């Protein structure tokens, strides 16, 4: 340790942390600025982490068991049906899956078209998700309306920011200010 003496007036006590050693060897710091902050020992942290992991594990197991039970009930229900009813159920399930996939493909195709439209119009592509629909015509209509409103909003904002009087031309003899006219 240094034998240098410190004048108590030189110490800013609001930023000084007091360091103590706890009964189990943990280091406890006391900082007036961080009174609300809770410090944990390694054991406390590990215990809290184990509890959290155990809760998540139980939650995942419960969800998996629910899915298994649901599938088992569905299998039992199908086992009770006649061959003709099973075939109808299978056809219905397949049709539903096909319909869902067709909708997903339609949405992807509509997204691509809307992105192209946004790029041609100079509208940020990140905003395309606000106009996507399963129906192609509805998507294009939404995109056109969005682009129109976006451009109106941008031109209005730019006009508002450019509002005012043009700078004076020091070379000209006229003393009257010229009004700035903007159009987009």
N, C-alpha and C. Protein backbone atom coordinates (compact mmCIF):
# COMPACT_ATOMS: atom_id res chain seq x y z
N UNK A 1 0.82 -1.18 0.00
CA UNK A 1 0.00 0.00 0.00
C UNK A 1 0.86 1.23 0.00
N UNK A 2 0.35 2.27 -0.54
CA UNK A 2 1.06 3.54 -0.63
C UNK A 2 0.86 4.32 0.66
N UNK A 3 1.90 5.08 1.02
CA UNK A 3 1.82 5.91 2.22
C UNK A 3 1.26 7.28 1.90
N UNK A 4 0.79 7.49 0.68
CA UNK A 4 0.29 8.80 0.26
C UNK A 4 -0.99 9.11 1.03
N UNK A 5 -1.05 10.31 1.57
CA UNK A 5 -2.24 10.72 2.32
C UNK A 5 -3.19 11.46 1.38
N UNK A 6 -4.47 11.20 1.55
CA UNK A 6 -5.47 11.83 0.71
C UNK A 6 -6.28 12.77 1.58
N UNK A 7 -6.43 13.96 1.08
CA UNK A 7 -7.23 14.95 1.76
C UNK A 7 -8.69 14.56 1.59
N UNK A 8 -9.48 14.54 2.65
CA UNK A 8 -10.88 14.13 2.58
C UNK A 8 -11.70 15.07 1.71
N UNK A 9 -11.27 16.26 1.49
CA UNK A 9 -11.99 17.20 0.63
C UNK A 9 -11.83 16.81 -0.84
N UNK A 10 -10.80 16.02 -1.19
CA UNK A 10 -10.55 15.62 -2.57
C UNK A 10 -11.43 14.44 -3.00
N UNK A 11 -12.10 13.78 -2.08
CA UNK A 11 -12.88 12.59 -2.40
C UNK A 11 -14.33 12.98 -2.67
N UNK A 12 -14.83 12.55 -3.83
CA UNK A 12 -16.24 12.75 -4.17
C UNK A 12 -17.01 11.55 -3.63
N UNK A 13 -17.65 11.72 -2.50
CA UNK A 13 -18.29 10.59 -1.82
C UNK A 13 -19.50 10.05 -2.55
N UNK A 14 -20.07 10.80 -3.50
CA UNK A 14 -21.24 10.30 -4.21
C UNK A 14 -20.88 9.20 -5.20
N UNK A 15 -19.59 9.11 -5.57
CA UNK A 15 -19.18 8.11 -6.54
C UNK A 15 -18.34 7.00 -5.93
N UNK A 16 -18.17 7.01 -4.65
CA UNK A 16 -17.33 6.02 -3.99
C UNK A 16 -18.18 4.82 -3.61
N UNK A 17 -17.66 3.65 -3.89
CA UNK A 17 -18.33 2.41 -3.51
C UNK A 17 -17.65 1.86 -2.27
N UNK A 18 -18.44 1.39 -1.34
CA UNK A 18 -17.89 0.74 -0.16
C UNK A 18 -17.83 -0.75 -0.46
N UNK A 19 -16.70 -1.36 -0.13
CA UNK A 19 -16.52 -2.78 -0.40
C UNK A 19 -16.43 -3.50 0.94
N UNK A 20 -17.26 -4.54 1.06
CA UNK A 20 -17.27 -5.32 2.29
C UNK A 20 -17.16 -6.78 1.91
N UNK A 21 -16.75 -7.58 2.86
CA UNK A 21 -16.71 -9.01 2.62
C UNK A 21 -17.79 -9.66 3.47
N UNK A 22 -18.66 -10.43 2.80
CA UNK A 22 -19.76 -11.09 3.49
C UNK A 22 -19.28 -12.29 4.29
N UNK A 23 -20.20 -12.90 5.04
CA UNK A 23 -19.86 -14.02 5.91
C UNK A 23 -19.44 -15.26 5.13
N UNK A 24 -19.96 -15.46 3.91
CA UNK A 24 -19.60 -16.65 3.14
C UNK A 24 -18.52 -16.35 2.10
N UNK A 25 -17.81 -15.25 2.28
CA UNK A 25 -16.70 -14.93 1.40
C UNK A 25 -17.11 -14.13 0.17
N UNK A 26 -18.37 -13.80 0.04
CA UNK A 26 -18.80 -13.02 -1.11
C UNK A 26 -18.37 -11.56 -0.94
N UNK A 27 -18.16 -10.91 -2.06
CA UNK A 27 -17.79 -9.50 -2.03
C UNK A 27 -19.06 -8.70 -2.24
N UNK A 28 -19.33 -7.79 -1.35
CA UNK A 28 -20.52 -6.96 -1.43
C UNK A 28 -20.07 -5.53 -1.64
N UNK A 29 -20.57 -4.93 -2.67
CA UNK A 29 -20.23 -3.52 -2.89
C UNK A 29 -21.46 -2.70 -2.62
N UNK A 30 -21.25 -1.59 -2.00
CA UNK A 30 -22.35 -0.67 -1.73
C UNK A 30 -22.06 0.59 -2.50
N UNK A 31 -22.94 0.92 -3.40
CA UNK A 31 -22.79 2.10 -4.23
C UNK A 31 -24.05 2.93 -4.09
N UNK A 32 -23.95 4.18 -3.68
CA UNK A 32 -25.14 4.99 -3.49
C UNK A 32 -25.96 5.15 -4.78
N UNK A 33 -25.30 5.12 -5.95
CA UNK A 33 -26.01 5.30 -7.21
C UNK A 33 -26.74 4.03 -7.62
N UNK A 34 -26.33 2.89 -7.08
CA UNK A 34 -26.92 1.62 -7.51
C UNK A 34 -27.58 0.90 -6.35
N UNK A 35 -28.30 1.62 -5.51
CA UNK A 35 -28.96 0.99 -4.38
C UNK A 35 -30.05 0.03 -4.83
N UNK A 36 -30.66 0.28 -6.00
CA UNK A 36 -31.75 -0.56 -6.47
C UNK A 36 -31.25 -1.82 -7.15
N UNK A 37 -29.97 -1.90 -7.46
CA UNK A 37 -29.40 -3.05 -8.16
C UNK A 37 -29.14 -4.18 -7.17
N UNK A 38 -29.60 -5.38 -7.55
CA UNK A 38 -29.44 -6.53 -6.66
C UNK A 38 -28.24 -7.35 -7.14
N UNK A 39 -27.31 -7.59 -6.26
CA UNK A 39 -26.14 -8.39 -6.59
C UNK A 39 -26.33 -9.81 -6.06
N UNK A 40 -25.94 -10.79 -6.87
CA UNK A 40 -26.09 -12.19 -6.49
C UNK A 40 -24.72 -12.85 -6.35
N UNK A 41 -24.65 -13.80 -5.47
CA UNK A 41 -23.43 -14.61 -5.38
C UNK A 41 -23.49 -15.64 -6.51
N UNK A 42 -22.38 -16.32 -6.74
CA UNK A 42 -22.34 -17.34 -7.79
C UNK A 42 -23.35 -18.44 -7.49
N UNK A 43 -23.45 -18.84 -6.24
CA UNK A 43 -24.40 -19.88 -5.84
C UNK A 43 -25.84 -19.45 -6.10
N UNK A 44 -26.16 -18.21 -5.72
CA UNK A 44 -27.52 -17.70 -5.94
C UNK A 44 -27.84 -17.64 -7.43
N UNK A 45 -26.86 -17.21 -8.21
CA UNK A 45 -27.06 -17.12 -9.66
C UNK A 45 -27.30 -18.51 -10.25
N UNK A 46 -26.45 -19.47 -9.87
CA UNK A 46 -26.61 -20.82 -10.39
C UNK A 46 -27.94 -21.43 -9.96
N UNK A 47 -28.36 -21.18 -8.74
CA UNK A 47 -29.65 -21.69 -8.26
C UNK A 47 -30.79 -21.09 -9.07
N UNK A 48 -30.75 -19.79 -9.27
CA UNK A 48 -31.79 -19.11 -10.05
C UNK A 48 -31.80 -19.62 -11.49
N UNK A 49 -30.62 -19.82 -12.06
CA UNK A 49 -30.52 -20.33 -13.43
C UNK A 49 -31.09 -21.74 -13.53
N UNK A 50 -30.75 -22.61 -12.57
CA UNK A 50 -31.27 -23.98 -12.57
C UNK A 50 -32.79 -23.99 -12.45
N UNK A 51 -33.33 -23.13 -11.60
CA UNK A 51 -34.79 -23.06 -11.44
C UNK A 51 -35.44 -22.62 -12.75
N UNK A 52 -34.86 -21.64 -13.40
CA UNK A 52 -35.41 -21.14 -14.67
C UNK A 52 -35.34 -22.23 -15.75
N UNK A 53 -34.23 -22.92 -15.83
CA UNK A 53 -34.09 -24.00 -16.82
C UNK A 53 -35.08 -25.13 -16.54
N UNK A 54 -35.28 -25.45 -15.26
CA UNK A 54 -36.22 -26.50 -14.90
C UNK A 54 -37.65 -26.09 -15.28
N UNK A 55 -38.02 -24.83 -15.05
CA UNK A 55 -39.35 -24.36 -15.45
C UNK A 55 -39.54 -24.47 -16.97
N UNK A 56 -38.53 -24.07 -17.72
CA UNK A 56 -38.61 -24.16 -19.18
C UNK A 56 -38.70 -25.61 -19.64
N UNK A 57 -37.94 -26.50 -19.01
CA UNK A 57 -37.98 -27.91 -19.36
C UNK A 57 -39.37 -28.49 -19.11
N UNK A 58 -39.96 -28.16 -17.94
CA UNK A 58 -41.31 -28.63 -17.63
C UNK A 58 -42.32 -28.08 -18.63
N UNK A 59 -42.16 -26.84 -19.00
CA UNK A 59 -43.08 -26.22 -19.96
C UNK A 59 -43.00 -26.92 -21.32
N UNK A 60 -41.80 -27.19 -21.78
CA UNK A 60 -41.61 -27.86 -23.07
C UNK A 60 -42.17 -29.27 -23.03
N UNK A 61 -41.90 -29.99 -21.93
CA UNK A 61 -42.43 -31.34 -21.78
C UNK A 61 -43.96 -31.35 -21.77
N UNK A 62 -44.54 -30.39 -21.08
CA UNK A 62 -46.00 -30.30 -21.01
C UNK A 62 -46.58 -30.06 -22.41
N UNK A 63 -45.98 -29.14 -23.16
CA UNK A 63 -46.45 -28.87 -24.52
C UNK A 63 -46.31 -30.10 -25.41
N UNK A 64 -45.20 -30.82 -25.28
CA UNK A 64 -44.98 -32.03 -26.08
C UNK A 64 -46.01 -33.09 -25.71
N UNK A 65 -46.28 -33.26 -24.43
CA UNK A 65 -47.27 -34.25 -24.00
C UNK A 65 -48.67 -33.89 -24.52
N UNK A 66 -49.00 -32.61 -24.53
CA UNK A 66 -50.29 -32.17 -25.05
C UNK A 66 -50.40 -32.48 -26.54
N UNK A 67 -49.32 -32.24 -27.29
CA UNK A 67 -49.33 -32.55 -28.73
C UNK A 67 -49.48 -34.05 -28.95
N UNK A 68 -48.76 -34.83 -28.16
CA UNK A 68 -48.84 -36.29 -28.29
C UNK A 68 -50.25 -36.77 -27.97
N UNK A 69 -50.84 -36.25 -26.91
CA UNK A 69 -52.20 -36.64 -26.53
C UNK A 69 -53.20 -36.25 -27.63
N UNK A 70 -53.03 -35.11 -28.19
CA UNK A 70 -53.92 -34.66 -29.27
C UNK A 70 -53.80 -35.58 -30.48
N UNK A 71 -52.59 -35.93 -30.84
CA UNK A 71 -52.38 -36.84 -31.98
C UNK A 71 -52.94 -38.23 -31.67
N UNK A 72 -52.80 -38.70 -30.43
CA UNK A 72 -53.32 -40.00 -30.03
C UNK A 72 -54.84 -40.02 -30.12
N UNK A 73 -55.48 -38.94 -29.65
CA UNK A 73 -56.93 -38.85 -29.73
C UNK A 73 -57.40 -38.83 -31.18
N UNK A 74 -56.68 -38.12 -32.02
CA UNK A 74 -57.02 -38.07 -33.45
C UNK A 74 -56.88 -39.46 -34.07
N UNK A 75 -55.82 -40.19 -33.72
CA UNK A 75 -55.62 -41.54 -34.23
C UNK A 75 -56.73 -42.47 -33.77
N UNK A 76 -57.15 -42.37 -32.49
CA UNK A 76 -58.25 -43.18 -31.97
C UNK A 76 -59.54 -42.87 -32.70
N UNK A 77 -59.77 -41.59 -32.94
CA UNK A 77 -60.99 -41.18 -33.64
C UNK A 77 -61.01 -41.75 -35.06
N UNK A 78 -59.86 -41.68 -35.74
CA UNK A 78 -59.78 -42.21 -37.09
C UNK A 78 -59.91 -43.74 -37.10
N UNK A 79 -59.44 -44.39 -36.06
CA UNK A 79 -59.53 -45.85 -35.99
C UNK A 79 -60.97 -46.32 -35.88
N UNK A 80 -61.82 -45.50 -35.29
CA UNK A 80 -63.22 -45.86 -35.12
C UNK A 80 -64.02 -45.66 -36.41
N UNK A 81 -63.48 -44.88 -37.33
CA UNK A 81 -64.21 -44.61 -38.56
C UNK A 81 -64.14 -45.78 -39.53
N UNK A 82 -65.12 -45.83 -40.42
CA UNK A 82 -65.09 -46.86 -41.46
C UNK A 82 -64.06 -46.47 -42.51
N UNK A 83 -63.76 -47.37 -43.42
CA UNK A 83 -62.76 -47.11 -44.46
C UNK A 83 -63.16 -45.92 -45.32
N UNK A 84 -64.45 -45.81 -45.63
CA UNK A 84 -64.94 -44.71 -46.46
C UNK A 84 -64.79 -43.37 -45.74
N UNK A 85 -65.13 -43.35 -44.45
CA UNK A 85 -65.01 -42.13 -43.65
C UNK A 85 -63.54 -41.73 -43.47
N UNK A 86 -62.67 -42.73 -43.29
CA UNK A 86 -61.23 -42.45 -43.18
C UNK A 86 -60.72 -41.78 -44.46
N UNK A 87 -61.17 -42.30 -45.59
CA UNK A 87 -60.73 -41.75 -46.87
C UNK A 87 -61.22 -40.31 -47.03
N UNK A 88 -62.46 -40.05 -46.62
CA UNK A 88 -63.00 -38.69 -46.69
C UNK A 88 -62.21 -37.74 -45.79
N UNK A 89 -61.90 -38.21 -44.59
CA UNK A 89 -61.10 -37.39 -43.64
C UNK A 89 -59.72 -37.09 -44.22
N UNK A 90 -59.11 -38.10 -44.79
CA UNK A 90 -57.78 -37.92 -45.37
C UNK A 90 -57.82 -36.95 -46.54
N UNK A 91 -58.84 -37.08 -47.39
CA UNK A 91 -58.98 -36.16 -48.53
C UNK A 91 -59.21 -34.74 -48.04
N UNK A 92 -60.05 -34.58 -47.03
CA UNK A 92 -60.33 -33.25 -46.48
C UNK A 92 -59.06 -32.63 -45.90
N UNK A 93 -58.32 -33.42 -45.15
CA UNK A 93 -57.07 -32.93 -44.53
C UNK A 93 -56.07 -32.53 -45.62
N UNK A 94 -55.95 -33.34 -46.65
CA UNK A 94 -55.03 -33.05 -47.75
C UNK A 94 -55.45 -31.78 -48.48
N UNK A 95 -56.75 -31.63 -48.72
CA UNK A 95 -57.24 -30.42 -49.39
C UNK A 95 -56.95 -29.17 -48.57
N UNK A 96 -57.15 -29.27 -47.26
CA UNK A 96 -56.86 -28.13 -46.38
C UNK A 96 -55.38 -27.76 -46.44
N UNK A 97 -54.50 -28.76 -46.41
CA UNK A 97 -53.06 -28.50 -46.49
C UNK A 97 -52.70 -27.85 -47.83
N UNK A 98 -53.29 -28.35 -48.91
CA UNK A 98 -53.03 -27.79 -50.24
C UNK A 98 -53.52 -26.34 -50.30
N UNK A 99 -54.70 -26.07 -49.77
CA UNK A 99 -55.25 -24.71 -49.77
C UNK A 99 -54.33 -23.76 -48.99
N UNK A 100 -53.84 -24.24 -47.85
CA UNK A 100 -52.94 -23.41 -47.03
C UNK A 100 -51.64 -23.12 -47.78
N UNK A 101 -51.10 -24.11 -48.43
CA UNK A 101 -49.86 -23.91 -49.20
C UNK A 101 -50.08 -22.97 -50.38
N UNK A 102 -51.22 -23.10 -51.03
CA UNK A 102 -51.54 -22.20 -52.14
C UNK A 102 -51.62 -20.76 -51.66
N UNK A 103 -52.20 -20.55 -50.49
CA UNK A 103 -52.27 -19.20 -49.93
C UNK A 103 -50.88 -18.67 -49.63
N UNK A 104 -50.01 -19.51 -49.07
CA UNK A 104 -48.65 -19.08 -48.77
C UNK A 104 -47.90 -18.71 -50.04
N UNK A 105 -48.08 -19.52 -51.11
CA UNK A 105 -47.43 -19.22 -52.39
C UNK A 105 -47.98 -17.92 -52.97
N UNK A 106 -49.29 -17.73 -52.89
CA UNK A 106 -49.90 -16.51 -53.40
C UNK A 106 -49.38 -15.29 -52.66
N UNK A 107 -49.23 -15.40 -51.36
CA UNK A 107 -48.71 -14.28 -50.58
C UNK A 107 -47.27 -13.97 -50.99
N UNK A 108 -46.45 -15.02 -51.19
CA UNK A 108 -45.07 -14.79 -51.62
C UNK A 108 -45.02 -14.12 -52.99
N UNK A 109 -45.84 -14.59 -53.92
CA UNK A 109 -45.87 -13.99 -55.26
C UNK A 109 -46.34 -12.53 -55.18
N UNK A 110 -47.36 -12.27 -54.38
CA UNK A 110 -47.85 -10.90 -54.24
C UNK A 110 -46.82 -10.01 -53.58
N UNK A 111 -46.06 -10.55 -52.66
CA UNK A 111 -44.99 -9.79 -52.02
C UNK A 111 -43.94 -9.39 -53.06
N UNK A 112 -43.58 -10.33 -53.92
CA UNK A 112 -42.58 -10.04 -54.95
C UNK A 112 -43.07 -8.93 -55.88
N UNK A 113 -44.31 -9.02 -56.31
CA UNK A 113 -44.86 -7.98 -57.18
C UNK A 113 -44.93 -6.64 -56.48
N UNK A 114 -45.33 -6.63 -55.22
CA UNK A 114 -45.41 -5.38 -54.47
C UNK A 114 -44.02 -4.78 -54.27
N UNK A 115 -43.02 -5.63 -54.03
CA UNK A 115 -41.64 -5.15 -53.88
C UNK A 115 -41.18 -4.48 -55.17
N UNK A 116 -41.45 -5.11 -56.30
CA UNK A 116 -41.07 -4.53 -57.59
C UNK A 116 -41.76 -3.18 -57.79
N UNK A 117 -43.04 -3.10 -57.45
CA UNK A 117 -43.79 -1.86 -57.59
C UNK A 117 -43.21 -0.78 -56.68
N UNK A 118 -42.87 -1.15 -55.45
CA UNK A 118 -42.28 -0.19 -54.51
C UNK A 118 -40.93 0.30 -55.03
N UNK A 119 -40.11 -0.61 -55.56
CA UNK A 119 -38.79 -0.23 -56.06
C UNK A 119 -38.92 0.73 -57.23
N UNK A 120 -39.85 0.47 -58.15
CA UNK A 120 -40.04 1.37 -59.29
C UNK A 120 -40.51 2.74 -58.86
N UNK A 121 -41.28 2.79 -57.77
CA UNK A 121 -41.85 4.05 -57.30
C UNK A 121 -40.94 4.80 -56.34
N UNK A 122 -39.87 4.15 -55.89
CA UNK A 122 -38.95 4.80 -54.95
C UNK A 122 -39.43 4.79 -53.51
N UNK A 123 -40.33 3.91 -53.20
CA UNK A 123 -40.83 3.77 -51.83
C UNK A 123 -40.00 2.71 -51.12
N UNK A 124 -39.63 2.92 -49.87
CA UNK A 124 -38.82 1.91 -49.16
C UNK A 124 -39.49 0.54 -49.16
N UNK A 125 -38.72 -0.46 -49.53
CA UNK A 125 -39.22 -1.83 -49.65
C UNK A 125 -39.61 -2.40 -48.29
N UNK A 126 -39.05 -1.89 -47.21
CA UNK A 126 -39.35 -2.39 -45.87
C UNK A 126 -40.82 -2.20 -45.52
N UNK A 127 -41.50 -1.31 -46.22
CA UNK A 127 -42.90 -1.02 -45.92
C UNK A 127 -43.88 -1.93 -46.67
N UNK A 128 -43.36 -2.85 -47.47
CA UNK A 128 -44.20 -3.68 -48.32
C UNK A 128 -45.14 -4.58 -47.52
N UNK A 129 -44.78 -4.95 -46.31
CA UNK A 129 -45.62 -5.86 -45.53
C UNK A 129 -46.97 -5.24 -45.17
N UNK A 130 -47.10 -3.93 -45.30
CA UNK A 130 -48.37 -3.27 -44.97
C UNK A 130 -49.41 -3.41 -46.07
N UNK A 131 -49.02 -3.89 -47.24
CA UNK A 131 -49.96 -3.96 -48.36
C UNK A 131 -50.24 -5.37 -48.84
N UNK A 132 -49.58 -6.37 -48.31
CA UNK A 132 -49.70 -7.74 -48.79
C UNK A 132 -51.05 -8.34 -48.41
N UNK A 133 -51.65 -9.04 -49.37
CA UNK A 133 -52.91 -9.74 -49.17
C UNK A 133 -52.85 -11.03 -49.97
N UNK A 134 -53.74 -11.98 -49.70
CA UNK A 134 -53.77 -13.23 -50.45
C UNK A 134 -54.23 -12.97 -51.88
N UNK A 135 -55.15 -12.04 -52.05
CA UNK A 135 -55.69 -11.71 -53.36
C UNK A 135 -54.72 -10.77 -54.09
N UNK A 136 -54.35 -11.13 -55.31
CA UNK A 136 -53.39 -10.35 -56.09
C UNK A 136 -53.92 -8.95 -56.38
N UNK A 137 -55.18 -8.85 -56.82
CA UNK A 137 -55.75 -7.55 -57.15
C UNK A 137 -55.80 -6.64 -55.93
N UNK A 138 -56.15 -7.20 -54.79
CA UNK A 138 -56.22 -6.43 -53.55
C UNK A 138 -54.83 -5.94 -53.14
N UNK A 139 -53.81 -6.79 -53.32
CA UNK A 139 -52.44 -6.40 -53.00
C UNK A 139 -51.99 -5.24 -53.89
N UNK A 140 -52.25 -5.34 -55.19
CA UNK A 140 -51.84 -4.27 -56.10
C UNK A 140 -52.59 -2.98 -55.82
N UNK A 141 -53.87 -3.09 -55.48
CA UNK A 141 -54.65 -1.90 -55.13
C UNK A 141 -54.10 -1.26 -53.85
N UNK A 142 -53.81 -2.10 -52.85
CA UNK A 142 -53.23 -1.59 -51.59
C UNK A 142 -51.89 -0.91 -51.85
N UNK A 143 -51.07 -1.54 -52.71
CA UNK A 143 -49.75 -0.98 -53.02
C UNK A 143 -49.88 0.36 -53.72
N UNK A 144 -50.77 0.46 -54.70
CA UNK A 144 -50.97 1.73 -55.40
C UNK A 144 -51.43 2.83 -54.45
N UNK A 145 -52.39 2.50 -53.60
CA UNK A 145 -52.88 3.48 -52.62
C UNK A 145 -51.78 3.89 -51.65
N UNK A 146 -51.01 2.92 -51.19
CA UNK A 146 -49.93 3.21 -50.25
C UNK A 146 -48.89 4.12 -50.89
N UNK A 147 -48.49 3.80 -52.11
CA UNK A 147 -47.48 4.60 -52.81
C UNK A 147 -47.98 6.02 -53.00
N UNK A 148 -49.24 6.15 -53.41
CA UNK A 148 -49.83 7.48 -53.62
C UNK A 148 -49.80 8.29 -52.32
N UNK A 149 -50.27 7.69 -51.23
CA UNK A 149 -50.29 8.38 -49.93
C UNK A 149 -48.87 8.68 -49.43
N UNK A 150 -47.96 7.76 -49.65
CA UNK A 150 -46.57 7.95 -49.21
C UNK A 150 -45.96 9.16 -49.93
N UNK A 151 -46.13 9.20 -51.25
CA UNK A 151 -45.56 10.31 -52.02
C UNK A 151 -46.21 11.64 -51.65
N UNK A 152 -47.52 11.64 -51.42
CA UNK A 152 -48.19 12.86 -50.97
C UNK A 152 -47.62 13.32 -49.64
N UNK A 153 -47.44 12.40 -48.74
CA UNK A 153 -46.91 12.74 -47.42
C UNK A 153 -45.49 13.29 -47.51
N UNK A 154 -44.66 12.65 -48.34
CA UNK A 154 -43.28 13.11 -48.49
C UNK A 154 -43.24 14.50 -49.11
N UNK A 155 -44.01 14.72 -50.17
CA UNK A 155 -43.98 16.03 -50.83
C UNK A 155 -44.54 17.11 -49.90
N UNK A 156 -45.56 16.78 -49.12
CA UNK A 156 -46.11 17.74 -48.16
C UNK A 156 -45.06 18.11 -47.11
N UNK A 157 -44.36 17.11 -46.60
CA UNK A 157 -43.32 17.36 -45.59
C UNK A 157 -42.18 18.18 -46.16
N UNK A 158 -41.75 17.85 -47.37
CA UNK A 158 -40.66 18.60 -48.01
C UNK A 158 -41.10 20.03 -48.26
N UNK A 159 -42.31 20.23 -48.76
CA UNK A 159 -42.82 21.58 -49.02
C UNK A 159 -42.90 22.38 -47.72
N UNK A 160 -43.30 21.71 -46.64
CA UNK A 160 -43.38 22.37 -45.34
C UNK A 160 -41.99 22.81 -44.86
N UNK A 161 -41.01 21.98 -45.09
CA UNK A 161 -39.66 22.31 -44.66
C UNK A 161 -39.02 23.37 -45.53
N UNK A 162 -39.43 23.45 -46.78
CA UNK A 162 -38.85 24.44 -47.70
C UNK A 162 -39.64 25.74 -47.72
N UNK A 163 -40.69 25.79 -46.94
CA UNK A 163 -41.54 26.98 -46.91
C UNK A 163 -40.71 28.17 -46.43
N UNK A 164 -40.96 29.30 -47.02
CA UNK A 164 -40.27 30.50 -46.59
C UNK A 164 -39.93 31.40 -47.76
N UNK A 165 -39.09 32.36 -47.50
CA UNK A 165 -38.70 33.34 -48.49
C UNK A 165 -37.32 32.96 -49.03
N UNK A 166 -37.17 33.11 -50.34
CA UNK A 166 -35.90 32.80 -50.97
C UNK A 166 -34.84 33.82 -50.53
N UNK A 167 -33.60 33.42 -50.50
CA UNK A 167 -32.54 34.37 -50.14
C UNK A 167 -32.49 35.51 -51.15
N UNK A 168 -32.11 36.68 -50.65
CA UNK A 168 -32.03 37.87 -51.52
C UNK A 168 -30.84 37.74 -52.45
N UNK A 169 -31.05 38.18 -53.66
CA UNK A 169 -29.98 38.25 -54.63
C UNK A 169 -29.33 39.61 -54.48
N UNK A 170 -28.11 39.64 -54.01
CA UNK A 170 -27.43 40.91 -53.74
C UNK A 170 -27.12 41.68 -55.01
N UNK A 171 -27.09 41.02 -56.15
CA UNK A 171 -26.77 41.68 -57.40
C UNK A 171 -27.97 42.37 -58.02
N UNK A 172 -29.17 41.90 -57.69
CA UNK A 172 -30.35 42.48 -58.32
C UNK A 172 -30.75 43.76 -57.62
N UNK A 173 -31.46 44.58 -58.33
CA UNK A 173 -31.89 45.88 -57.82
C UNK A 173 -33.22 45.79 -57.07
N UNK A 174 -33.95 44.69 -57.22
CA UNK A 174 -35.28 44.60 -56.62
C UNK A 174 -35.16 44.40 -55.11
N UNK A 175 -36.08 45.02 -54.41
CA UNK A 175 -36.08 44.94 -52.95
C UNK A 175 -37.14 43.98 -52.42
N UNK A 176 -38.05 43.51 -53.28
CA UNK A 176 -39.13 42.65 -52.80
C UNK A 176 -38.69 41.19 -52.78
N UNK A 177 -39.08 40.48 -51.74
CA UNK A 177 -38.70 39.06 -51.64
C UNK A 177 -39.47 38.21 -52.64
N UNK A 178 -38.82 37.16 -53.11
CA UNK A 178 -39.43 36.23 -54.05
C UNK A 178 -39.88 35.00 -53.28
N UNK A 179 -41.12 34.59 -53.49
CA UNK A 179 -41.68 33.43 -52.81
C UNK A 179 -41.18 32.16 -53.48
N UNK A 180 -40.76 31.17 -52.67
CA UNK A 180 -40.27 29.90 -53.19
C UNK A 180 -41.49 29.03 -53.52
N UNK A 181 -41.50 28.47 -54.73
CA UNK A 181 -42.59 27.59 -55.15
C UNK A 181 -42.00 26.20 -55.38
N UNK A 182 -42.61 25.24 -54.72
CA UNK A 182 -42.13 23.87 -54.89
C UNK A 182 -43.25 23.02 -55.44
N UNK A 183 -42.90 22.13 -56.34
CA UNK A 183 -43.87 21.17 -56.86
C UNK A 183 -43.16 19.85 -57.12
N UNK A 184 -43.87 18.79 -56.86
CA UNK A 184 -43.28 17.48 -57.04
C UNK A 184 -44.14 16.65 -57.94
